[in-house]
Each structure stands twice: as structure tokens, then as C-alpha cells.
């Protein structure tokens, strides 16, 4: 099945993305975007315009923590905040 999808001979059904991503040990959000691109270019553009970027499960956990810590206030990424985040990673 993978070689058929990879060659473009068949499209990856969107409902199969979670299971396939799990078996491939890859990010389901990224695989979903690739599958949408394969299905419908205009839809892929709309998804990107609305959701901006696909995030991994780890990134989603960071975002959830940020939302919780800020009481869902949608904080602006200030220079000070950016420095604090980068400092976590030694940058």
C-alpha cells in the first residue's frame, strides 16, 4: 500500500492517516497535510491558511502548557518572552 501511495497511483485515505502514522512512527499532523495535498491542492492551501502549521504532539503539549499558564490569554511573544524560551534551550 505504501509504495502505491508513494508512487501516486493511489491516494492515502484521510481516515487512515492516524493508524498509518502510528505504524510508521511519524507525526500524524504532517502526514495528514501530505495526504490532503495529495487529495486536493486548494484544500491543502486552505488548511495551511487557517491552521498555519501542523504541530507535533510534543509541540501541542508545549502550547497547551502555555495556554494553561497564561489562563488562555493569548499572550504576545515579546522580546523578553522569546529570550526566556530560548534560554530554556541554552540559546
PDB file of N, CA and C in Angstrom:
ATOM      1  N   UNK A   1       0.822  -1.193   0.000  1.00  0.00           N
ATOM      2  CA  UNK A   1       0.000   0.000   0.000  1.00  0.00           C
ATOM      3  C   UNK A   1       0.867   1.258   0.000  1.00  0.00           C
ATOM      4  N   UNK A   2       1.922   1.251   0.825  1.00  0.00           N
ATOM      5  CA  UNK A   2       2.780   2.429   0.909  1.00  0.00           C
ATOM      6  C   UNK A   2       3.418   2.769  -0.421  1.00  0.00           C
ATOM      7  N   UNK A   3       3.890   1.775  -1.133  1.00  0.00           N
ATOM      8  CA  UNK A   3       4.539   2.052  -2.415  1.00  0.00           C
ATOM      9  C   UNK A   3       3.540   2.586  -3.429  1.00  0.00           C
ATOM     10  N   UNK A   4       2.299   2.117  -3.372  1.00  0.00           N
ATOM     11  CA  UNK A   4       1.262   2.602  -4.284  1.00  0.00           C
ATOM     12  C   UNK A   4       0.939   4.060  -3.983  1.00  0.00           C
ATOM     13  N   UNK A   5       0.809   4.396  -2.704  1.00  0.00           N
ATOM     14  CA  UNK A   5       0.540   5.780  -2.297  1.00  0.00           C
ATOM     15  C   UNK A   5       1.733   6.663  -2.647  1.00  0.00           C
ATOM     16  N   UNK A   6       2.935   6.174  -2.342  1.00  0.00           N
ATOM     17  CA  UNK A   6       4.153   6.946  -2.603  1.00  0.00           C
ATOM     18  C   UNK A   6       4.325   7.229  -4.094  1.00  0.00           C
ATOM     19  N   UNK A   7       3.979   6.271  -4.935  1.00  0.00           N
ATOM     20  CA  UNK A   7       4.121   6.446  -6.386  1.00  0.00           C
ATOM     21  C   UNK A   7       3.046   7.358  -6.966  1.00  0.00           C
ATOM     22  N   UNK A   8       2.002   7.613  -6.168  1.00  0.00           N
ATOM     23  CA  UNK A   8       0.915   8.455  -6.654  1.00  0.00           C
ATOM     24  C   UNK A   8      -0.180   7.686  -7.364  1.00  0.00           C
ATOM     25  N   UNK A   9      -0.039   6.357  -7.431  1.00  0.00           N
ATOM     26  CA  UNK A   9      -1.047   5.530  -8.101  1.00  0.00           C
ATOM     27  C   UNK A   9      -2.352   5.482  -7.306  1.00  0.00           C
ATOM     28  N   UNK A  10      -2.263   5.705  -5.999  1.00  0.00           N
ATOM     29  CA  UNK A  10      -3.451   5.738  -5.145  1.00  0.00           C
ATOM     30  C   UNK A  10      -3.265   6.843  -4.120  1.00  0.00           C
ATOM     31  N   UNK A  11      -4.367   7.348  -3.629  1.00  0.00           N
ATOM     32  CA  UNK A  11      -4.332   8.395  -2.611  1.00  0.00           C
ATOM     33  C   UNK A  11      -4.502   7.765  -1.231  1.00  0.00           C
ATOM     34  N   UNK A  12      -3.845   8.395  -0.270  1.00  0.00           N
ATOM     35  CA  UNK A  12      -3.971   7.936   1.103  1.00  0.00           C
ATOM     36  C   UNK A  12      -5.299   8.435   1.661  1.00  0.00           C
ATOM     37  N   UNK A  13      -6.209   7.528   2.028  1.00  0.00           N
ATOM     38  CA  UNK A  13      -7.471   7.969   2.617  1.00  0.00           C
ATOM     39  C   UNK A  13      -7.211   8.699   3.941  1.00  0.00           C
ATOM     40  N   UNK A  14      -7.838   9.834   4.104  1.00  0.00           N
ATOM     41  CA  UNK A  14      -7.591  10.662   5.280  1.00  0.00           C
ATOM     42  C   UNK A  14      -7.930   9.949   6.579  1.00  0.00           C
ATOM     43  N   UNK A  15      -8.920   9.061   6.544  1.00  0.00           N
ATOM     44  CA  UNK A  15      -9.276   8.343   7.768  1.00  0.00           C
ATOM     45  C   UNK A  15      -8.236   7.292   8.160  1.00  0.00           C
ATOM     46  N   UNK A  16      -7.309   7.000   7.258  1.00  0.00           N
ATOM     47  CA  UNK A  16      -6.248   6.033   7.546  1.00  0.00           C
ATOM     48  C   UNK A  16      -4.978   6.694   8.088  1.00  0.00           C
ATOM     49  N   UNK A  17      -4.929   8.017   8.062  1.00  0.00           N
ATOM     50  CA  UNK A  17      -3.725   8.732   8.479  1.00  0.00           C
ATOM     51  C   UNK A  17      -3.303   8.403   9.914  1.00  0.00           C
ATOM     52  N   UNK A  18      -4.199   8.458  10.913  1.00  0.00           N
ATOM     53  CA  UNK A  18      -3.738   8.188  12.286  1.00  0.00           C
ATOM     54  C   UNK A  18      -3.094   6.813  12.456  1.00  0.00           C
ATOM     55  N   UNK A  19      -3.708   5.795  11.914  1.00  0.00           N
ATOM     56  CA  UNK A  19      -3.162   4.438  12.056  1.00  0.00           C
ATOM     57  C   UNK A  19      -1.847   4.290  11.302  1.00  0.00           C
ATOM     58  N   UNK A  20      -1.775   4.852  10.109  1.00  0.00           N
ATOM     59  CA  UNK A  20      -0.546   4.757   9.330  1.00  0.00           C
ATOM     60  C   UNK A  20       0.585   5.523  10.006  1.00  0.00           C
ATOM     61  N   UNK A  21       0.286   6.704  10.506  1.00  0.00           N
ATOM     62  CA  UNK A  21       1.306   7.497  11.202  1.00  0.00           C
ATOM     63  C   UNK A  21       1.831   6.732  12.418  1.00  0.00           C
ATOM     64  N   UNK A  22       0.930   6.091  13.126  1.00  0.00           N
ATOM     65  CA  UNK A  22       1.345   5.318  14.303  1.00  0.00           C
ATOM     66  C   UNK A  22       2.248   4.168  13.888  1.00  0.00           C
ATOM     67  N   UNK A  23       1.876   3.462  12.844  1.00  0.00           N
ATOM     68  CA  UNK A  23       2.698   2.324  12.413  1.00  0.00           C
ATOM     69  C   UNK A  23       4.038   2.772  11.833  1.00  0.00           C
ATOM     70  N   UNK A  24       4.068   3.951  11.230  1.00  0.00           N
ATOM     71  CA  UNK A  24       5.325   4.477  10.682  1.00  0.00           C
ATOM     72  C   UNK A  24       6.140   5.245  11.714  1.00  0.00           C
ATOM     73  N   UNK A  25       5.522   5.459  12.876  1.00  0.00           N
ATOM     74  CA  UNK A  25       6.155   6.256  13.930  1.00  0.00           C
ATOM     75  C   UNK A  25       6.538   7.639  13.407  1.00  0.00           C
ATOM     76  N   UNK A  26       5.579   8.258  12.715  1.00  0.00           N
ATOM     77  CA  UNK A  26       5.796   9.611  12.214  1.00  0.00           C
ATOM     78  C   UNK A  26       4.703  10.521  12.756  1.00  0.00           C
ATOM     79  N   UNK A  27       4.880  11.790  12.571  1.00  0.00           N
ATOM     80  CA  UNK A  27       3.940  12.778  13.076  1.00  0.00           C
ATOM     81  C   UNK A  27       2.639  12.727  12.277  1.00  0.00           C
ATOM     82  N   UNK A  28       1.506  12.443  12.917  1.00  0.00           N
ATOM     83  CA  UNK A  28       0.246  12.346  12.180  1.00  0.00           C
ATOM     84  C   UNK A  28      -0.191  13.666  11.553  1.00  0.00           C
ATOM     85  N   UNK A  29       0.117  14.785  12.181  1.00  0.00           N
ATOM     86  CA  UNK A  29      -0.278  16.075  11.603  1.00  0.00           C
ATOM     87  C   UNK A  29       0.440  16.312  10.284  1.00  0.00           C
ATOM     88  N   UNK A  30       1.727  16.002  10.236  1.00  0.00           N
ATOM     89  CA  UNK A  30       2.497  16.186   8.998  1.00  0.00           C
ATOM     90  C   UNK A  30       2.004  15.234   7.923  1.00  0.00           C
ATOM     91  N   UNK A  31       1.753  13.987   8.292  1.00  0.00           N
ATOM     92  CA  UNK A  31       1.250  13.012   7.326  1.00  0.00           C
ATOM     93  C   UNK A  31      -0.126  13.430   6.810  1.00  0.00           C
ATOM     94  N   UNK A  32      -0.955  13.978   7.691  1.00  0.00           N
ATOM     95  CA  UNK A  32      -2.272  14.451   7.271  1.00  0.00           C
ATOM     96  C   UNK A  32      -2.152  15.548   6.218  1.00  0.00           C
ATOM     97  N   UNK A  33      -1.268  16.514   6.466  1.00  0.00           N
ATOM     98  CA  UNK A  33      -1.078  17.603   5.500  1.00  0.00           C
ATOM     99  C   UNK A  33      -0.618  17.046   4.155  1.00  0.00           C
ATOM    100  N   UNK A  34       0.303  16.097   4.185  1.00  0.00           N
ATOM    101  CA  UNK A  34       0.762  15.486   2.930  1.00  0.00           C
ATOM    102  C   UNK A  34      -0.378  14.771   2.213  1.00  0.00           C
ATOM    103  N   UNK A  35      -1.221  14.082   2.977  1.00  0.00           N
ATOM    104  CA  UNK A  35      -2.358  13.376   2.379  1.00  0.00           C
ATOM    105  C   UNK A  35      -3.370  14.358   1.797  1.00  0.00           C
ATOM    106  N   UNK A  36      -3.613  15.454   2.499  1.00  0.00           N
ATOM    107  CA  UNK A  36      -4.538  16.476   1.987  1.00  0.00           C
ATOM    108  C   UNK A  36      -3.982  17.076   0.703  1.00  0.00           C
ATOM    109  N   UNK A  37      -2.682  17.358   0.673  1.00  0.00           N
ATOM    110  CA  UNK A  37      -2.060  17.890  -0.548  1.00  0.00           C
ATOM    111  C   UNK A  37      -2.262  16.943  -1.719  1.00  0.00           C
ATOM    112  N   UNK A  38      -2.172  15.655  -1.446  1.00  0.00           N
ATOM    113  CA  UNK A  38      -2.349  14.652  -2.480  1.00  0.00           C
ATOM    114  C   UNK A  38      -3.802  14.619  -2.968  1.00  0.00           C
ATOM    115  N   UNK A  39      -4.745  14.856  -2.059  1.00  0.00           N
ATOM    116  CA  UNK A  39      -6.169  14.791  -2.392  1.00  0.00           C
ATOM    117  C   UNK A  39      -6.640  16.033  -3.140  1.00  0.00           C
ATOM    118  N   UNK A  40      -6.258  17.212  -2.603  1.00  0.00           N
ATOM    119  CA  UNK A  40      -6.842  18.458  -3.112  1.00  0.00           C
ATOM    120  C   UNK A  40      -5.930  19.628  -2.751  1.00  0.00           C
ATOM    121  N   UNK A  41      -5.260  20.177  -3.747  1.00  0.00           N
ATOM    122  CA  UNK A  41      -4.302  21.259  -3.512  1.00  0.00           C
ATOM    123  C   UNK A  41      -4.976  22.481  -2.892  1.00  0.00           C
ATOM    124  N   UNK A  42      -6.149  22.839  -3.375  1.00  0.00           N
ATOM    125  CA  UNK A  42      -6.854  24.013  -2.841  1.00  0.00           C
ATOM    126  C   UNK A  42      -7.226  23.804  -1.374  1.00  0.00           C
ATOM    127  N   UNK A  43      -7.637  22.599  -1.032  1.00  0.00           N
ATOM    128  CA  UNK A  43      -7.958  22.291   0.359  1.00  0.00           C
ATOM    129  C   UNK A  43      -6.706  22.395   1.218  1.00  0.00           C
ATOM    130  N   UNK A  44      -5.589  21.907   0.717  1.00  0.00           N
ATOM    131  CA  UNK A  44      -4.331  21.988   1.465  1.00  0.00           C
ATOM    132  C   UNK A  44      -3.948  23.437   1.730  1.00  0.00           C
ATOM    133  N   UNK A  45      -4.136  24.298   0.743  1.00  0.00           N
ATOM    134  CA  UNK A  45      -3.840  25.725   0.919  1.00  0.00           C
ATOM    135  C   UNK A  45      -4.760  26.317   1.983  1.00  0.00           C
ATOM    136  N   UNK A  46      -6.040  25.964   1.931  1.00  0.00           N
ATOM    137  CA  UNK A  46      -6.993  26.476   2.928  1.00  0.00           C
ATOM    138  C   UNK A  46      -6.628  25.991   4.330  1.00  0.00           C
ATOM    139  N   UNK A  47      -6.264  24.724   4.467  1.00  0.00           N
ATOM    140  CA  UNK A  47      -5.878  24.180   5.773  1.00  0.00           C
ATOM    141  C   UNK A  47      -4.667  24.936   6.304  1.00  0.00           C
ATOM    142  N   UNK A  48      -3.671  25.178   5.435  1.00  0.00           N
ATOM    143  CA  UNK A  48      -2.479  25.921   5.863  1.00  0.00           C
ATOM    144  C   UNK A  48      -2.822  27.355   6.240  1.00  0.00           C
ATOM    145  N   UNK A  49      -3.701  27.985   5.475  1.00  0.00           N
ATOM    146  CA  UNK A  49      -4.097  29.366   5.778  1.00  0.00           C
ATOM    147  C   UNK A  49      -4.824  29.463   7.116  1.00  0.00           C
ATOM    148  N   UNK A  50      -5.650  28.497   7.408  1.00  0.00           N
ATOM    149  CA  UNK A  50      -6.443  28.525   8.639  1.00  0.00           C
ATOM    150  C   UNK A  50      -5.627  28.078   9.844  1.00  0.00           C
ATOM    151  N   UNK A  51      -4.921  26.958   9.717  1.00  0.00           N
ATOM    152  CA  UNK A  51      -4.214  26.374  10.860  1.00  0.00           C
ATOM    153  C   UNK A  51      -2.727  26.721  10.905  1.00  0.00           C
ATOM    154  N   UNK A  52      -2.253  27.396   9.893  1.00  0.00           N
ATOM    155  CA  UNK A  52      -0.861  27.861   9.761  1.00  0.00           C
ATOM    156  C   UNK A  52       0.116  26.707   9.616  1.00  0.00           C
ATOM    157  N   UNK A  53       0.498  26.058  10.703  1.00  0.00           N
ATOM    158  CA  UNK A  53       1.461  24.959  10.609  1.00  0.00           C
ATOM    159  C   UNK A  53       0.938  23.768  11.403  1.00  0.00           C
ATOM    160  N   UNK A  54       1.327  22.607  10.976  1.00  0.00           N
ATOM    161  CA  UNK A  54       0.991  21.405  11.741  1.00  0.00           C
ATOM    162  C   UNK A  54       1.974  21.304  12.896  1.00  0.00           C
ATOM    163  N   UNK A  55       1.487  20.914  14.043  1.00  0.00           N
ATOM    164  CA  UNK A  55       2.356  20.770  15.211  1.00  0.00           C
ATOM    165  C   UNK A  55       2.400  19.312  15.633  1.00  0.00           C
ATOM    166  N   UNK A  56       3.553  18.928  16.153  1.00  0.00           N
ATOM    167  CA  UNK A  56       3.713  17.565  16.655  1.00  0.00           C
ATOM    168  C   UNK A  56       3.014  17.443  18.009  1.00  0.00           C
ATOM    169  N   UNK A  57       2.908  16.229  18.484  1.00  0.00           N
ATOM    170  CA  UNK A  57       2.304  16.008  19.806  1.00  0.00           C
ATOM    171  C   UNK A  57       3.105  16.724  20.892  1.00  0.00           C
ATOM    172  N   UNK A  58       4.423  16.725  20.763  1.00  0.00           N
ATOM    173  CA  UNK A  58       5.257  17.422  21.742  1.00  0.00           C
ATOM    174  C   UNK A  58       5.021  18.934  21.699  1.00  0.00           C
ATOM    175  N   UNK A  59       4.936  19.487  20.501  1.00  0.00           N
ATOM    176  CA  UNK A  59       4.673  20.922  20.369  1.00  0.00           C
ATOM    177  C   UNK A  59       3.294  21.271  20.909  1.00  0.00           C
ATOM    178  N   UNK A  60       2.327  20.401  20.672  1.00  0.00           N
ATOM    179  CA  UNK A  60       0.978  20.633  21.186  1.00  0.00           C
ATOM    180  C   UNK A  60       0.989  20.667  22.714  1.00  0.00           C
ATOM    181  N   UNK A  61       1.788  19.813  23.345  1.00  0.00           N
ATOM    182  CA  UNK A  61       1.891  19.820  24.804  1.00  0.00           C
ATOM    183  C   UNK A  61       2.464  21.143  25.297  1.00  0.00           C
ATOM    184  N   UNK A  62       3.467  21.668  24.592  1.00  0.00           N
ATOM    185  CA  UNK A  62       4.032  22.983  24.942  1.00  0.00           C
ATOM    186  C   UNK A  62       2.956  24.067  24.822  1.00  0.00           C
ATOM    187  N   UNK A  63       2.197  24.027  23.728  1.00  0.00           N
ATOM    188  CA  UNK A  63       1.152  25.029  23.522  1.00  0.00           C
ATOM    189  C   UNK A  63       0.074  24.936  24.597  1.00  0.00           C
ATOM    190  N   UNK A  64      -0.309  23.725  24.950  1.00  0.00           N
ATOM    191  CA  UNK A  64      -1.320  23.552  25.997  1.00  0.00           C
ATOM    192  C   UNK A  64      -0.821  24.104  27.327  1.00  0.00           C
ATOM    193  N   UNK A  65       0.448  23.866  27.624  1.00  0.00           N
ATOM    194  CA  UNK A  65       1.022  24.389  28.867  1.00  0.00           C
ATOM    195  C   UNK A  65       1.074  25.912  28.844  1.00  0.00           C
ATOM    196  N   UNK A  66       1.441  26.478  27.710  1.00  0.00           N
ATOM    197  CA  UNK A  66       1.470  27.936  27.561  1.00  0.00           C
ATOM    198  C   UNK A  66       0.073  28.528  27.750  1.00  0.00           C
ATOM    199  N   UNK A  67      -0.921  27.889  27.159  1.00  0.00           N
ATOM    200  CA  UNK A  67      -2.301  28.370  27.317  1.00  0.00           C
ATOM    201  C   UNK A  67      -2.756  28.267  28.767  1.00  0.00           C
ATOM    202  N   UNK A  68      -2.423  27.162  29.415  1.00  0.00           N
ATOM    203  CA  UNK A  68      -2.806  26.985  30.812  1.00  0.00           C
ATOM    204  C   UNK A  68      -2.107  28.013  31.698  1.00  0.00           C
ATOM    205  N   UNK A  69      -0.806  28.189  31.490  1.00  0.00           N
ATOM    206  CA  UNK A  69      -0.032  29.126  32.311  1.00  0.00           C
ATOM    207  C   UNK A  69      -0.491  30.564  32.127  1.00  0.00           C
ATOM    208  N   UNK A  70      -1.012  30.891  30.934  1.00  0.00           N
ATOM    209  CA  UNK A  70      -1.448  32.260  30.664  1.00  0.00           C
ATOM    210  C   UNK A  70      -2.956  32.439  30.853  1.00  0.00           C
ATOM    211  N   UNK A  71      -3.625  31.436  31.418  1.00  0.00           N
ATOM    212  CA  UNK A  71      -5.086  31.465  31.567  1.00  0.00           C
ATOM    213  C   UNK A  71      -5.778  31.741  30.238  1.00  0.00           C
ATOM    214  N   UNK A  72      -5.242  31.134  29.182  1.00  0.00           N
ATOM    215  CA  UNK A  72      -5.804  31.254  27.830  1.00  0.00           C
ATOM    216  C   UNK A  72      -5.918  32.705  27.368  1.00  0.00           C
ATOM    217  N   UNK A  73      -4.921  33.509  27.731  1.00  0.00           N
ATOM    218  CA  UNK A  73      -4.978  34.937  27.394  1.00  0.00           C
ATOM    219  C   UNK A  73      -4.368  35.267  26.033  1.00  0.00           C
ATOM    220  N   UNK A  74      -3.849  34.288  25.307  1.00  0.00           N
ATOM    221  CA  UNK A  74      -3.221  34.510  24.004  1.00  0.00           C
ATOM    222  C   UNK A  74      -2.120  35.562  24.102  1.00  0.00           C
ATOM    223  N   UNK A  75      -1.083  35.280  24.913  1.00  0.00           N
ATOM    224  CA  UNK A  75      -0.041  36.278  25.146  1.00  0.00           C
ATOM    225  C   UNK A  75       0.791  36.565  23.899  1.00  0.00           C
ATOM    226  N   UNK A  76       1.227  37.798  23.790  1.00  0.00           N
ATOM    227  CA  UNK A  76       2.104  38.211  22.702  1.00  0.00           C
ATOM    228  C   UNK A  76       3.513  37.707  22.994  1.00  0.00           C
ATOM    229  N   UNK A  77       4.206  37.270  21.969  1.00  0.00           N
ATOM    230  CA  UNK A  77       5.586  36.824  22.141  1.00  0.00           C
ATOM    231  C   UNK A  77       6.488  38.059  22.125  1.00  0.00           C
ATOM    232  N   UNK A  78       6.767  38.562  23.299  1.00  0.00           N
ATOM    233  CA  UNK A  78       7.616  39.743  23.439  1.00  0.00           C
ATOM    234  C   UNK A  78       9.084  39.329  23.327  1.00  0.00           C
ATOM    235  N   UNK A  79       9.939  40.313  23.214  1.00  0.00           N
ATOM    236  CA  UNK A  79      11.378  40.047  23.176  1.00  0.00           C
ATOM    237  C   UNK A  79      11.819  39.352  24.455  1.00  0.00           C
ATOM    238  N   UNK A  80      11.301  39.805  25.589  1.00  0.00           N
ATOM    239  CA  UNK A  80      11.644  39.204  26.884  1.00  0.00           C
ATOM    240  C   UNK A  80      11.194  37.740  26.936  1.00  0.00           C
ATOM    241  N   UNK A  81       9.974  37.458  26.481  1.00  0.00           N
ATOM    242  CA  UNK A  81       9.453  36.092  26.484  1.00  0.00           C
ATOM    243  C   UNK A  81      10.259  35.209  25.531  1.00  0.00           C
ATOM    244  N   UNK A  82      10.593  35.746  24.376  1.00  0.00           N
ATOM    245  CA  UNK A  82      11.393  34.991  23.405  1.00  0.00           C
ATOM    246  C   UNK A  82      12.746  34.610  24.011  1.00  0.00           C
ATOM    247  N   UNK A  83      13.385  35.569  24.686  1.00  0.00           N
ATOM    248  CA  UNK A  83      14.673  35.289  25.337  1.00  0.00           C
ATOM    249  C   UNK A  83      14.523  34.207  26.406  1.00  0.00           C
ATOM    250  N   UNK A  84      13.441  34.262  27.165  1.00  0.00           N
ATOM    251  CA  UNK A  84      13.215  33.268  28.217  1.00  0.00           C
ATOM    252  C   UNK A  84      13.054  31.872  27.623  1.00  0.00           C
ATOM    253  N   UNK A  85      12.310  31.767  26.543  1.00  0.00           N
ATOM    254  CA  UNK A  85      12.114  30.466  25.896  1.00  0.00           C
ATOM    255  C   UNK A  85      13.440  29.956  25.332  1.00  0.00           C
ATOM    256  N   UNK A  86      14.161  30.821  24.660  1.00  0.00           N
ATOM    257  CA  UNK A  86      15.455  30.407  24.087  1.00  0.00           C
ATOM    258  C   UNK A  86      16.444  30.010  25.169  1.00  0.00           C
ATOM    259  N   UNK A  87      16.374  30.655  26.327  1.00  0.00           N
ATOM    260  CA  UNK A  87      17.266  30.325  27.439  1.00  0.00           C
ATOM    261  C   UNK A  87      17.016  28.902  27.939  1.00  0.00           C
ATOM    262  N   UNK A  88      15.769  28.434  27.837  1.00  0.00           N
ATOM    263  CA  UNK A  88      15.468  27.055  28.218  1.00  0.00           C
ATOM    264  C   UNK A  88      16.298  26.055  27.420  1.00  0.00           C
ATOM    265  N   UNK A  89      16.648  26.447  26.213  1.00  0.00           N
ATOM    266  CA  UNK A  89      17.386  25.559  25.317  1.00  0.00           C
ATOM    267  C   UNK A  89      18.843  25.958  25.179  1.00  0.00           C
ATOM    268  N   UNK A  90      19.298  26.851  26.082  1.00  0.00           N
ATOM    269  CA  UNK A  90      20.696  27.247  26.084  1.00  0.00           C
ATOM    270  C   UNK A  90      21.101  28.098  24.899  1.00  0.00           C
ATOM    271  N   UNK A  91      20.168  28.887  24.391  1.00  0.00           N
ATOM    272  CA  UNK A  91      20.478  29.741  23.225  1.00  0.00           C
ATOM    273  C   UNK A  91      20.400  31.200  23.587  1.00  0.00           C
TER     274      UNK A  91
END
